[in-house]
Amino acid sequence: MPEGHSVHRIARQFARNFVGKRIRLSSPQGRFVDGAAMLDGHTMTDARAVGKQMFLEFDNGLWLRVHLGLYGAWDFAGDIHASGTDAALRGRRRRSVRPGAADVTLDLAGEDSLQSIGAPRLTRLRMAEDEKVSVEPDGFPPEPVGQVRVRLLADDVVADLRGPTACVVLDPREVQVAMDRLGPDPLLDDSRAAEDRFVTVVRKKPTPIGRLLMDQLVVSGIGNVYRAELLFRAGLNPHAPGKSLSDEQARALWQDWAYLLKIGVETGQMMTRDGLSDAAYGRALRRRADRHWVYKREGLPCRVCGTHIALEEMAARKLYWCPECQS
């Protein structure tokens, strides 16, 4: 499932390439015909992400809410430009969108959505899947591929959505209700009030902290990878009740999430290891196995203490942790 950094990057892609343009909406799959008709022909006026959900506003006052879930993905094609705020890799170098430009380190696992955002002209791109494709289309717009729930088409760019958990049209009141239900997102609100909200909720709950971090009503954007890595970096046992955390521990957890989320948005990768040499950092950018402390390292020795990384299920997802460092 795409985590918060990916959805923020997709929202930026829409803001850069679709906002301000008249959009034709259709449902090639046929499951969103009525919803597409409500937005068809209107100008997109805003694109924003809150955690794992994205909201696209149109000039008739209606919004398109999309939650990709486990299997959803966006395909983009056309004259795609990189967001002006997207920094590429270490040193904040920018990946050129010009074909033939000198490349930088690529993520061999396909997690790097910078490759999608910094796309060559008229290249087809898939975002928010583990595997991304890039092929030259025969013409523009390309024919829909697979079960496309909704297609958003402007004069020079097109976006196809497949397999989302949610794709619905909302009015402004419904949008506000949906946003208010979600936990705080540090990329949208880095205030002390947002931090206080997170800390207060966590420290009242008897629920294990490993479950709380996956609850989008508690905090927005954290998925399986960031949960495991945040808890390891904090030295917290995933089974510890939220109410057992000190105020200092809960605040440190929020602040580390804000820190890692910004890195993820800038690089397109869930980079969670600090203190790497230049060579090690380059390897981590290329290989997901070198990027994390515990995620998908079950049975391997902990990078810190040598204890074998444990794997179990929590909140219906796989949980990776070190029984020694997080005891």
C-alpha atoms as a PDB file:
ATOM      1  CA  MET A   1       0.000   0.000   0.000  1.00  0.00           C
ATOM      2  CA  PRO A   2       1.377   3.443  -0.868  1.00  0.00           C
ATOM      3  CA  GLU A   3       2.363   5.333   2.269  1.00  0.00           C
ATOM      4  CA  GLY A   4       1.956   9.030   2.926  1.00  0.00           C
ATOM      5  CA  HIS A   5       5.023  10.222   1.056  1.00  0.00           C
ATOM      6  CA  SER A   6       3.854   8.640  -2.218  1.00  0.00           C
ATOM      7  CA  VAL A   7       0.383  10.164  -2.033  1.00  0.00           C
ATOM      8  CA  HIS A   8       1.835  13.615  -1.347  1.00  0.00           C
ATOM      9  CA  ARG A   9       4.062  13.206  -4.391  1.00  0.00           C
ATOM     10  CA  ILE A  10       1.123  12.181  -6.570  1.00  0.00           C
ATOM     11  CA  ALA A  11      -0.838  15.216  -5.357  1.00  0.00           C
ATOM     12  CA  ARG A  12       2.110  17.413  -6.326  1.00  0.00           C
ATOM     13  CA  GLN A  13       2.130  15.764  -9.737  1.00  0.00           C
ATOM     14  CA  PHE A  14      -1.510  16.767 -10.195  1.00  0.00           C
ATOM     15  CA  ALA A  15      -0.885  20.274  -8.858  1.00  0.00           C
ATOM     16  CA  ARG A  16       1.956  20.810 -11.328  1.00  0.00           C
ATOM     17  CA  ASN A  17       0.363  19.239 -14.396  1.00  0.00           C
ATOM     18  CA  PHE A  18      -3.442  19.397 -14.040  1.00  0.00           C
ATOM     19  CA  VAL A  19      -4.492  22.270 -11.774  1.00  0.00           C
ATOM     20  CA  GLY A  20      -5.725  25.245 -13.801  1.00  0.00           C
ATOM     21  CA  LYS A  21      -6.662  23.086 -16.785  1.00  0.00           C
ATOM     22  CA  ARG A  22     -10.050  21.984 -18.089  1.00  0.00           C
ATOM     23  CA  ILE A  23     -10.301  18.240 -17.511  1.00  0.00           C
ATOM     24  CA  ARG A  24     -12.320  15.651 -19.395  1.00  0.00           C
ATOM     25  CA  LEU A  25     -13.324  12.771 -17.126  1.00  0.00           C
ATOM     26  CA  SER A  26     -14.488   9.339 -18.237  1.00  0.00           C
ATOM     27  CA  SER A  27     -14.696   5.824 -16.828  1.00  0.00           C
ATOM     28  CA  PRO A  28     -13.338   3.338 -19.382  1.00  0.00           C
ATOM     29  CA  GLN A  29     -14.097   0.507 -16.952  1.00  0.00           C
ATOM     30  CA  GLY A  30     -17.673   1.690 -16.562  1.00  0.00           C
ATOM     31  CA  ARG A  31     -17.788   1.633 -12.752  1.00  0.00           C
ATOM     32  CA  PHE A  32     -17.513   5.416 -12.295  1.00  0.00           C
ATOM     33  CA  VAL A  33     -19.642   6.745 -15.136  1.00  0.00           C
ATOM     34  CA  ASP A  34     -21.973   8.828 -12.958  1.00  0.00           C
ATOM     35  CA  GLY A  35     -19.143  10.280 -10.872  1.00  0.00           C
ATOM     36  CA  ALA A  36     -17.076  11.148 -13.936  1.00  0.00           C
ATOM     37  CA  ALA A  37     -20.062  12.923 -15.499  1.00  0.00           C
ATOM     38  CA  MET A  38     -20.374  15.188 -12.438  1.00  0.00           C
ATOM     39  CA  LEU A  39     -16.820  16.488 -12.953  1.00  0.00           C
ATOM     40  CA  ASP A  40     -16.400  16.205 -16.718  1.00  0.00           C
ATOM     41  CA  GLY A  41     -15.440  19.432 -18.470  1.00  0.00           C
ATOM     42  CA  HIS A  42     -14.613  21.369 -15.323  1.00  0.00           C
ATOM     43  CA  THR A  43     -11.299  22.980 -14.387  1.00  0.00           C
ATOM     44  CA  MET A  44      -9.216  21.418 -11.634  1.00  0.00           C
ATOM     45  CA  THR A  45      -8.523  24.052  -8.984  1.00  0.00           C
ATOM     46  CA  ASP A  46      -6.693  22.191  -6.216  1.00  0.00           C
ATOM     47  CA  ALA A  47      -4.874  18.936  -5.467  1.00  0.00           C
ATOM     48  CA  ARG A  48      -3.963  17.943  -1.948  1.00  0.00           C
ATOM     49  CA  ALA A  49      -3.021  14.865   0.047  1.00  0.00           C
ATOM     50  CA  VAL A  50      -3.923  14.082   3.637  1.00  0.00           C
ATOM     51  CA  GLY A  51      -2.057  10.999   4.730  1.00  0.00           C
ATOM     52  CA  LYS A  52      -2.937   8.207   2.304  1.00  0.00           C
ATOM     53  CA  GLN A  53      -5.903  10.005   0.733  1.00  0.00           C
ATOM     54  CA  MET A  54      -5.939  12.516  -2.101  1.00  0.00           C
ATOM     55  CA  PHE A  55      -8.518  15.199  -2.839  1.00  0.00           C
ATOM     56  CA  LEU A  56      -8.881  16.895  -6.241  1.00  0.00           C
ATOM     57  CA  GLU A  57     -11.077  20.024  -6.395  1.00  0.00           C
ATOM     58  CA  PHE A  58     -12.959  21.297  -9.456  1.00  0.00           C
ATOM     59  CA  ASP A  59     -14.442  24.686 -10.264  1.00  0.00           C
ATOM     60  CA  ASN A  60     -18.029  23.482  -9.791  1.00  0.00           C
ATOM     61  CA  GLY A  61     -17.323  23.045  -6.075  1.00  0.00           C
ATOM     62  CA  LEU A  62     -17.091  19.252  -6.169  1.00  0.00           C
ATOM     63  CA  TRP A  63     -14.109  17.121  -5.197  1.00  0.00           C
ATOM     64  CA  LEU A  64     -12.761  13.736  -6.248  1.00  0.00           C
ATOM     65  CA  ARG A  65     -11.533  11.709  -3.254  1.00  0.00           C
ATOM     66  CA  VAL A  66      -9.174   8.830  -4.008  1.00  0.00           C
ATOM     67  CA  HIS A  67      -7.747   6.250  -1.629  1.00  0.00           C
ATOM     68  CA  LEU A  68      -5.435   3.889  -3.495  1.00  0.00           C
ATOM     69  CA  GLY A  69      -5.483   1.145  -0.867  1.00  0.00           C
ATOM     70  CA  LEU A  70      -3.395  -1.961  -1.479  1.00  0.00           C
ATOM     71  CA  TYR A  71      -3.793  -2.245  -5.232  1.00  0.00           C
ATOM     72  CA  GLY A  72      -4.546   1.207  -6.594  1.00  0.00           C
ATOM     73  CA  ALA A  73      -2.229   3.019  -8.986  1.00  0.00           C
ATOM     74  CA  TRP A  74      -2.089   6.075 -11.228  1.00  0.00           C
ATOM     75  CA  ASP A  75      -0.717   6.022 -14.769  1.00  0.00           C
ATOM     76  CA  PHE A  76       0.387   9.363 -16.223  1.00  0.00           C
ATOM     77  CA  ALA A  77       1.145  10.140 -19.847  1.00  0.00           C
ATOM     78  CA  GLY A  78       1.846  13.253 -21.874  1.00  0.00           C
ATOM     79  CA  ASP A  79       3.934  16.348 -21.295  1.00  0.00           C
ATOM     80  CA  ILE A  80       4.662  15.632 -17.627  1.00  0.00           C
ATOM     81  CA  HIS A  81       6.756  18.150 -15.700  1.00  0.00           C
ATOM     82  CA  ALA A  82       8.444  17.657 -12.353  1.00  0.00           C
ATOM     83  CA  SER A  83       7.066  19.534  -9.381  1.00  0.00           C
ATOM     84  CA  GLY A  84       9.172  22.567  -8.578  1.00  0.00           C
ATOM     85  CA  THR A  85       9.445  21.403  -4.971  1.00  0.00           C
ATOM     86  CA  ASP A  86      10.723  17.892  -5.689  1.00  0.00           C
ATOM     87  CA  ALA A  87      14.381  17.488  -4.799  1.00  0.00           C
ATOM     88  CA  ALA A  88      16.248  14.528  -6.151  1.00  0.00           C
ATOM     89  CA  LEU A  89      18.392  12.468  -3.852  1.00  0.00           C
ATOM     90  CA  ARG A  90      21.224  13.641  -1.670  1.00  0.00           C
ATOM     91  CA  GLY A  91      22.459  17.175  -2.112  1.00  0.00           C
ATOM     92  CA  ARG A  92      18.984  18.060  -3.424  1.00  0.00           C
ATOM     93  CA  ARG A  93      20.046  17.486  -7.026  1.00  0.00           C
ATOM     94  CA  ARG A  94      17.117  17.571  -9.455  1.00  0.00           C
ATOM     95  CA  ARG A  95      16.356  14.861 -11.960  1.00  0.00           C
ATOM     96  CA  SER A  96      15.944  16.372 -15.427  1.00  0.00           C
ATOM     97  CA  VAL A  97      12.731  15.738 -17.337  1.00  0.00           C
ATOM     98  CA  ARG A  98      14.591  16.067 -20.645  1.00  0.00           C
ATOM     99  CA  PRO A  99      15.130  12.837 -22.596  1.00  0.00           C
ATOM    100  CA  GLY A 100      18.788  11.944 -22.744  1.00  0.00           C
ATOM    101  CA  ALA A 101      19.737  14.029 -19.725  1.00  0.00           C
ATOM    102  CA  ALA A 102      22.386  12.649 -17.393  1.00  0.00           C
ATOM    103  CA  ASP A 103      20.719  10.306 -14.923  1.00  0.00           C
ATOM    104  CA  VAL A 104      21.213   9.932 -11.196  1.00  0.00           C
ATOM    105  CA  THR A 105      21.005   6.925  -8.925  1.00  0.00           C
ATOM    106  CA  LEU A 106      17.941   4.790  -9.670  1.00  0.00           C
ATOM    107  CA  ASP A 107      16.036   2.617  -7.250  1.00  0.00           C
ATOM    108  CA  LEU A 108      16.263  -0.925  -8.577  1.00  0.00           C
ATOM    109  CA  ALA A 109      13.234  -1.977  -6.486  1.00  0.00           C
ATOM    110  CA  GLY A 110      10.982   0.496  -8.250  1.00  0.00           C
ATOM    111  CA  GLU A 111      10.081   2.436  -5.120  1.00  0.00           C
ATOM    112  CA  ASP A 112      11.556   5.676  -6.422  1.00  0.00           C
ATOM    113  CA  SER A 113       8.570   7.706  -7.589  1.00  0.00           C
ATOM    114  CA  LEU A 114      10.971  10.474  -8.595  1.00  0.00           C
ATOM    115  CA  GLN A 115      11.361   8.513 -11.795  1.00  0.00           C
ATOM    116  CA  SER A 116       7.659   9.013 -12.354  1.00  0.00           C
ATOM    117  CA  ILE A 117       7.525  12.653 -11.333  1.00  0.00           C
ATOM    118  CA  GLY A 118      10.612  13.565 -13.330  1.00  0.00           C
ATOM    119  CA  ALA A 119       9.307  11.920 -16.468  1.00  0.00           C
ATOM    120  CA  PRO A 120      10.451  12.389 -20.061  1.00  0.00           C
ATOM    121  CA  ARG A 121       7.952  13.981 -22.439  1.00  0.00           C
ATOM    122  CA  LEU A 122       5.244  11.625 -23.751  1.00  0.00           C
ATOM    123  CA  THR A 123       6.314   8.728 -21.577  1.00  0.00           C
ATOM    124  CA  ARG A 124       3.796   6.537 -19.845  1.00  0.00           C
ATOM    125  CA  LEU A 125       4.310   6.317 -16.090  1.00  0.00           C
ATOM    126  CA  ARG A 126       2.877   4.293 -13.271  1.00  0.00           C
ATOM    127  CA  MET A 127       2.931   5.612  -9.720  1.00  0.00           C
ATOM    128  CA  ALA A 128       2.180   3.980  -6.366  1.00  0.00           C
ATOM    129  CA  GLU A 129       2.942   0.411  -7.296  1.00  0.00           C
ATOM    130  CA  ASP A 130       6.032  -1.585  -6.358  1.00  0.00           C
ATOM    131  CA  GLU A 131       6.713  -2.045 -10.059  1.00  0.00           C
ATOM    132  CA  LYS A 132       6.666   0.964 -12.337  1.00  0.00           C
ATOM    133  CA  VAL A 133       6.674   0.914 -16.110  1.00  0.00           C
ATOM    134  CA  SER A 134       7.875   3.410 -18.669  1.00  0.00           C
ATOM    135  CA  VAL A 135       6.999   2.859 -22.326  1.00  0.00           C
ATOM    136  CA  GLU A 136       6.664   5.139 -25.295  1.00  0.00           C
ATOM    137  CA  PRO A 137       2.982   5.398 -26.286  1.00  0.00           C
ATOM    138  CA  ASP A 138       1.972   5.184 -29.945  1.00  0.00           C
ATOM    139  CA  GLY A 139       0.104   8.468 -29.699  1.00  0.00           C
ATOM    140  CA  PHE A 140      -1.619  10.861 -27.352  1.00  0.00           C
ATOM    141  CA  PRO A 141      -3.725  10.135 -25.518  1.00  0.00           C
ATOM    142  CA  PRO A 142      -2.750   6.463 -25.240  1.00  0.00           C
ATOM    143  CA  GLU A 143      -5.466   3.838 -25.116  1.00  0.00           C
ATOM    144  CA  PRO A 144      -6.509   2.903 -21.560  1.00  0.00           C
ATOM    145  CA  VAL A 145      -4.741  -0.212 -20.309  1.00  0.00           C
ATOM    146  CA  GLY A 146      -6.484  -2.589 -17.926  1.00  0.00           C
ATOM    147  CA  GLN A 147      -9.462  -1.746 -15.740  1.00  0.00           C
ATOM    148  CA  VAL A 148      -9.275   2.055 -15.647  1.00  0.00           C
ATOM    149  CA  ARG A 149     -11.757   3.338 -13.060  1.00  0.00           C
ATOM    150  CA  VAL A 150     -11.420   6.960 -14.122  1.00  0.00           C
ATOM    151  CA  ARG A 151      -9.434   8.855 -16.751  1.00  0.00           C
ATOM    152  CA  LEU A 152      -8.567  12.540 -16.327  1.00  0.00           C
ATOM    153  CA  LEU A 153      -7.591  14.079 -19.659  1.00  0.00           C
ATOM    154  CA  ALA A 154      -6.293  17.582 -20.385  1.00  0.00           C
ATOM    155  CA  ASP A 155      -4.943  18.858 -23.700  1.00  0.00           C
ATOM    156  CA  ASP A 156      -1.405  17.667 -22.999  1.00  0.00           C
ATOM    157  CA  VAL A 157      -1.556  15.251 -20.036  1.00  0.00           C
ATOM    158  CA  VAL A 158      -3.642  12.287 -18.967  1.00  0.00           C
ATOM    159  CA  ALA A 159      -3.973  10.298 -15.737  1.00  0.00           C
ATOM    160  CA  ASP A 160      -5.573   6.862 -15.425  1.00  0.00           C
ATOM    161  CA  LEU A 161      -6.649   5.398 -12.082  1.00  0.00           C
ATOM    162  CA  ARG A 162      -6.921   1.642 -11.555  1.00  0.00           C
ATOM    163  CA  GLY A 163      -7.805  -0.511  -8.563  1.00  0.00           C
ATOM    164  CA  PRO A 164      -8.482   2.100  -5.863  1.00  0.00           C
ATOM    165  CA  THR A 165     -10.139   1.293  -2.558  1.00  0.00           C
ATOM    166  CA  ALA A 166     -12.165   4.510  -2.862  1.00  0.00           C
ATOM    167  CA  CYS A 167     -12.983   6.828  -5.762  1.00  0.00           C
ATOM    168  CA  VAL A 168     -15.922   9.087  -4.952  1.00  0.00           C
ATOM    169  CA  VAL A 169     -17.242  12.572  -5.668  1.00  0.00           C
ATOM    170  CA  LEU A 170     -17.823  14.728  -2.581  1.00  0.00           C
ATOM    171  CA  ASP A 171     -19.250  18.160  -1.912  1.00  0.00           C
ATOM    172  CA  PRO A 172     -17.293  20.643   0.259  1.00  0.00           C
ATOM    173  CA  ARG A 173     -19.070  19.620   3.464  1.00  0.00           C
ATOM    174  CA  GLU A 174     -18.344  15.947   2.863  1.00  0.00           C
ATOM    175  CA  VAL A 175     -14.708  16.742   2.110  1.00  0.00           C
ATOM    176  CA  GLN A 176     -14.353  18.614   5.382  1.00  0.00           C
ATOM    177  CA  VAL A 177     -15.923  15.720   7.291  1.00  0.00           C
ATOM    178  CA  ALA A 178     -13.542  13.257   5.611  1.00  0.00           C
ATOM    179  CA  MET A 179     -10.484  15.393   6.368  1.00  0.00           C
ATOM    180  CA  ASP A 180     -11.537  16.059   9.960  1.00  0.00           C
ATOM    181  CA  ARG A 181     -11.776  12.319  10.633  1.00  0.00           C
ATOM    182  CA  LEU A 182      -8.157  11.759   9.672  1.00  0.00           C
ATOM    183  CA  GLY A 183      -5.316  12.030  12.131  1.00  0.00           C
ATOM    184  CA  PRO A 184      -2.777  14.848  11.849  1.00  0.00           C
ATOM    185  CA  ASP A 185      -0.390  14.902   8.896  1.00  0.00           C
ATOM    186  CA  PRO A 186       2.916  16.632   9.739  1.00  0.00           C
ATOM    187  CA  LEU A 187       3.435  17.705   6.144  1.00  0.00           C
ATOM    188  CA  LEU A 188       0.208  19.709   6.284  1.00  0.00           C
ATOM    189  CA  ASP A 189       0.415  20.857   9.880  1.00  0.00           C
ATOM    190  CA  ASP A 190       3.753  20.950  11.672  1.00  0.00           C
ATOM    191  CA  SER A 191       2.351  23.039  14.518  1.00  0.00           C
ATOM    192  CA  ARG A 192       2.615  22.254  18.185  1.00  0.00           C
ATOM    193  CA  ALA A 193      -1.168  21.762  18.166  1.00  0.00           C
ATOM    194  CA  ALA A 194      -0.895  18.869  15.684  1.00  0.00           C
ATOM    195  CA  GLU A 195       1.874  17.306  17.746  1.00  0.00           C
ATOM    196  CA  ASP A 196      -0.175  17.756  20.922  1.00  0.00           C
ATOM    197  CA  ARG A 197      -3.162  16.085  19.284  1.00  0.00           C
ATOM    198  CA  PHE A 198      -1.090  13.029  18.376  1.00  0.00           C
ATOM    199  CA  VAL A 199       0.553  12.818  21.798  1.00  0.00           C
ATOM    200  CA  THR A 200      -2.739  13.185  23.661  1.00  0.00           C
ATOM    201  CA  VAL A 201      -4.489  10.456  21.665  1.00  0.00           C
ATOM    202  CA  VAL A 202      -1.589   8.014  21.902  1.00  0.00           C
ATOM    203  CA  ARG A 203      -1.068   8.467  25.638  1.00  0.00           C
ATOM    204  CA  LYS A 204      -4.740   7.814  26.410  1.00  0.00           C
ATOM    205  CA  LYS A 205      -4.912   4.493  24.584  1.00  0.00           C
ATOM    206  CA  PRO A 206      -4.261   0.991  25.989  1.00  0.00           C
ATOM    207  CA  THR A 207      -3.817  -0.137  22.377  1.00  0.00           C
ATOM    208  CA  PRO A 208      -0.297  -1.306  21.398  1.00  0.00           C
ATOM    209  CA  ILE A 209       1.697   1.485  19.801  1.00  0.00           C
ATOM    210  CA  GLY A 210       2.308  -0.780  16.791  1.00  0.00           C
ATOM    211  CA  ARG A 211      -1.429  -0.726  16.115  1.00  0.00           C
ATOM    212  CA  LEU A 212      -1.904   2.955  16.860  1.00  0.00           C
ATOM    213  CA  LEU A 213       0.635   4.020  14.249  1.00  0.00           C
ATOM    214  CA  MET A 214      -1.362   2.175  11.574  1.00  0.00           C
ATOM    215  CA  ASP A 215      -4.624   3.830  12.619  1.00  0.00           C
ATOM    216  CA  GLN A 216      -5.236   6.704  10.194  1.00  0.00           C
ATOM    217  CA  LEU A 217      -7.569   8.324  12.733  1.00  0.00           C
ATOM    218  CA  VAL A 218      -4.596   8.653  15.104  1.00  0.00           C
ATOM    219  CA  VAL A 219      -1.944   9.801  12.640  1.00  0.00           C
ATOM    220  CA  SER A 220      -2.110  10.108   8.859  1.00  0.00           C
ATOM    221  CA  GLY A 221       0.182   8.486   6.342  1.00  0.00           C
ATOM    222  CA  ILE A 222       2.049   5.781   8.253  1.00  0.00           C
ATOM    223  CA  GLY A 223       2.001   2.316   6.687  1.00  0.00           C
ATOM    224  CA  ASN A 224       3.808  -0.934   7.263  1.00  0.00           C
ATOM    225  CA  VAL A 225       7.309   0.218   6.352  1.00  0.00           C
ATOM    226  CA  TYR A 226       7.303   3.450   8.304  1.00  0.00           C
ATOM    227  CA  ARG A 227       5.670   1.772  11.313  1.00  0.00           C
ATOM    228  CA  ALA A 228       8.459  -0.781  11.644  1.00  0.00           C
ATOM    229  CA  GLU A 229      11.211   1.738  11.055  1.00  0.00           C
ATOM    230  CA  LEU A 230       9.831   4.444  13.355  1.00  0.00           C
ATOM    231  CA  LEU A 231       9.455   2.009  16.237  1.00  0.00           C
ATOM    232  CA  PHE A 232      12.976   0.670  15.763  1.00  0.00           C
ATOM    233  CA  ARG A 233      14.479   4.141  15.570  1.00  0.00           C
ATOM    234  CA  ALA A 234      12.645   5.011  18.784  1.00  0.00           C
ATOM    235  CA  GLY A 235      13.643   1.784  20.529  1.00  0.00           C
ATOM    236  CA  LEU A 236       9.979   1.073  21.288  1.00  0.00           C
ATOM    237  CA  ASN A 237       8.427  -2.356  21.707  1.00  0.00           C
ATOM    238  CA  PRO A 238       5.532  -2.592  19.222  1.00  0.00           C
ATOM    239  CA  HIS A 239       3.402  -4.216  21.928  1.00  0.00           C
ATOM    240  CA  ALA A 240       3.837  -1.379  24.426  1.00  0.00           C
ATOM    241  CA  PRO A 241       0.464   0.256  25.193  1.00  0.00           C
ATOM    242  CA  GLY A 242       0.226   3.792  23.908  1.00  0.00           C
ATOM    243  CA  LYS A 243      -0.541   5.013  27.413  1.00  0.00           C
ATOM    244  CA  SER A 244       2.778   3.591  28.637  1.00  0.00           C
ATOM    245  CA  LEU A 245       4.765   6.032  26.497  1.00  0.00           C
ATOM    246  CA  SER A 246       6.137   9.089  28.193  1.00  0.00           C
ATOM    247  CA  ASP A 247       5.314  12.523  26.843  1.00  0.00           C
ATOM    248  CA  GLU A 248       8.894  12.763  25.600  1.00  0.00           C
ATOM    249  CA  GLN A 249       8.701   9.411  23.789  1.00  0.00           C
ATOM    250  CA  ALA A 250       5.422  10.255  22.074  1.00  0.00           C
ATOM    251  CA  ARG A 251       6.687  13.655  20.948  1.00  0.00           C
ATOM    252  CA  ALA A 252       9.918  12.154  19.648  1.00  0.00           C
ATOM    253  CA  LEU A 253       7.886   9.644  17.635  1.00  0.00           C
ATOM    254  CA  TRP A 254       5.828  12.418  16.020  1.00  0.00           C
ATOM    255  CA  GLN A 255       8.914  14.491  15.270  1.00  0.00           C
ATOM    256  CA  ASP A 256      10.703  11.529  13.705  1.00  0.00           C
ATOM    257  CA  TRP A 257       7.678  10.829  11.527  1.00  0.00           C
ATOM    258  CA  ALA A 258       7.704  14.437  10.342  1.00  0.00           C
ATOM    259  CA  TYR A 259      11.424  14.105   9.580  1.00  0.00           C
ATOM    260  CA  LEU A 260      11.129  10.815   7.655  1.00  0.00           C
ATOM    261  CA  LEU A 261       8.033  11.943   5.765  1.00  0.00           C
ATOM    262  CA  LYS A 262       9.838  14.996   4.405  1.00  0.00           C
ATOM    263  CA  ILE A 263      12.730  12.813   3.268  1.00  0.00           C
ATOM    264  CA  GLY A 264      10.299  10.439   1.564  1.00  0.00           C
ATOM    265  CA  VAL A 265       8.558  13.252  -0.286  1.00  0.00           C
ATOM    266  CA  GLU A 266      11.861  14.764  -1.410  1.00  0.00           C
ATOM    267  CA  THR A 267      13.511  11.532  -2.562  1.00  0.00           C
ATOM    268  CA  GLY A 268      10.554   9.341  -3.440  1.00  0.00           C
ATOM    269  CA  GLN A 269      12.017   6.618  -1.251  1.00  0.00           C
ATOM    270  CA  MET A 270      11.367   5.462   2.296  1.00  0.00           C
ATOM    271  CA  MET A 271      14.927   6.111   3.423  1.00  0.00           C
ATOM    272  CA  THR A 272      15.045   5.427   7.169  1.00  0.00           C
ATOM    273  CA  ARG A 273      18.737   4.874   7.952  1.00  0.00           C
ATOM    274  CA  ASP A 274      20.882   7.781   9.100  1.00  0.00           C
ATOM    275  CA  GLY A 275      24.629   8.203   9.321  1.00  0.00           C
ATOM    276  CA  LEU A 276      25.521   6.402   6.093  1.00  0.00           C
ATOM    277  CA  SER A 277      28.674   7.096   4.139  1.00  0.00           C
ATOM    278  CA  ASP A 278      28.269   8.451   0.623  1.00  0.00           C
ATOM    279  CA  ALA A 279      28.872   4.990  -0.822  1.00  0.00           C
ATOM    280  CA  ALA A 280      26.425   3.327   1.559  1.00  0.00           C
ATOM    281  CA  TYR A 281      23.839   6.020   0.880  1.00  0.00           C
ATOM    282  CA  GLY A 282      24.163   5.405  -2.843  1.00  0.00           C
ATOM    283  CA  ARG A 283      23.641   1.677  -2.319  1.00  0.00           C
ATOM    284  CA  ALA A 284      20.578   2.395  -0.198  1.00  0.00           C
ATOM    285  CA  LEU A 285      19.102   4.574  -2.931  1.00  0.00           C
ATOM    286  CA  ARG A 286      19.536   1.726  -5.398  1.00  0.00           C
ATOM    287  CA  ARG A 287      18.539  -1.220  -3.203  1.00  0.00           C
ATOM    288  CA  ARG A 288      15.628  -1.275  -0.767  1.00  0.00           C
ATOM    289  CA  ALA A 289      17.400  -3.987   1.241  1.00  0.00           C
ATOM    290  CA  ASP A 290      20.043  -1.411   2.232  1.00  0.00           C
ATOM    291  CA  ARG A 291      17.505   1.295   3.040  1.00  0.00           C
ATOM    292  CA  HIS A 292      15.886   0.044   6.233  1.00  0.00           C
ATOM    293  CA  TRP A 293      16.799  -1.056   9.739  1.00  0.00           C
ATOM    294  CA  VAL A 294      14.301  -3.903  10.164  1.00  0.00           C
ATOM    295  CA  TYR A 295      11.688  -3.925   7.401  1.00  0.00           C
ATOM    296  CA  LYS A 296      11.739  -7.208   5.433  1.00  0.00           C
ATOM    297  CA  ARG A 297      14.847  -8.338   7.350  1.00  0.00           C
ATOM    298  CA  GLU A 298      13.234 -11.193   9.287  1.00  0.00           C
ATOM    299  CA  GLY A 299      15.773 -13.774  10.423  1.00  0.00           C
ATOM    300  CA  LEU A 300      18.718 -11.518   9.592  1.00  0.00           C
ATOM    301  CA  PRO A 301      20.953 -10.061  12.303  1.00  0.00           C
ATOM    302  CA  CYS A 302      19.996  -6.639  13.610  1.00  0.00           C
ATOM    303  CA  ARG A 303      22.261  -3.963  12.180  1.00  0.00           C
ATOM    304  CA  VAL A 304      22.862  -2.680  15.713  1.00  0.00           C
ATOM    305  CA  CYS A 305      22.950  -5.629  18.131  1.00  0.00           C
ATOM    306  CA  GLY A 306      23.059  -8.761  15.970  1.00  0.00           C
ATOM    307  CA  THR A 307      19.824 -10.255  17.308  1.00  0.00           C
ATOM    308  CA  HIS A 308      17.709 -11.892  14.628  1.00  0.00           C
ATOM    309  CA  ILE A 309      14.927  -9.627  13.403  1.00  0.00           C
ATOM    310  CA  ALA A 310      11.498 -10.977  14.366  1.00  0.00           C
ATOM    311  CA  LEU A 311       8.434 -11.188  12.135  1.00  0.00           C
ATOM    312  CA  GLU A 312       4.838 -11.389  13.322  1.00  0.00           C
ATOM    313  CA  GLU A 313       1.417 -10.086  12.363  1.00  0.00           C
ATOM    314  CA  MET A 314      -0.112  -6.984  13.920  1.00  0.00           C
ATOM    315  CA  ALA A 315      -3.093  -4.975  12.672  1.00  0.00           C
ATOM    316  CA  ALA A 316      -3.427  -7.480   9.811  1.00  0.00           C
ATOM    317  CA  ARG A 317       0.008  -6.556   8.459  1.00  0.00           C
ATOM    318  CA  LYS A 318       3.494  -7.977   8.858  1.00  0.00           C
ATOM    319  CA  LEU A 319       5.496  -6.431  11.671  1.00  0.00           C
ATOM    320  CA  TYR A 320       9.298  -6.455  11.754  1.00  0.00           C
ATOM    321  CA  TRP A 321      11.201  -5.611  14.921  1.00  0.00           C
ATOM    322  CA  CYS A 322      14.301  -6.345  17.004  1.00  0.00           C
ATOM    323  CA  PRO A 323      13.470  -8.099  20.309  1.00  0.00           C
ATOM    324  CA  GLU A 324      16.690  -6.763  21.858  1.00  0.00           C
ATOM    325  CA  CYS A 325      16.857  -3.144  20.704  1.00  0.00           C
ATOM    326  CA  GLN A 326      13.105  -2.775  21.210  1.00  0.00           C
ATOM    327  CA  SER A 327      12.736  -4.725  24.434  1.00  0.00           C
END
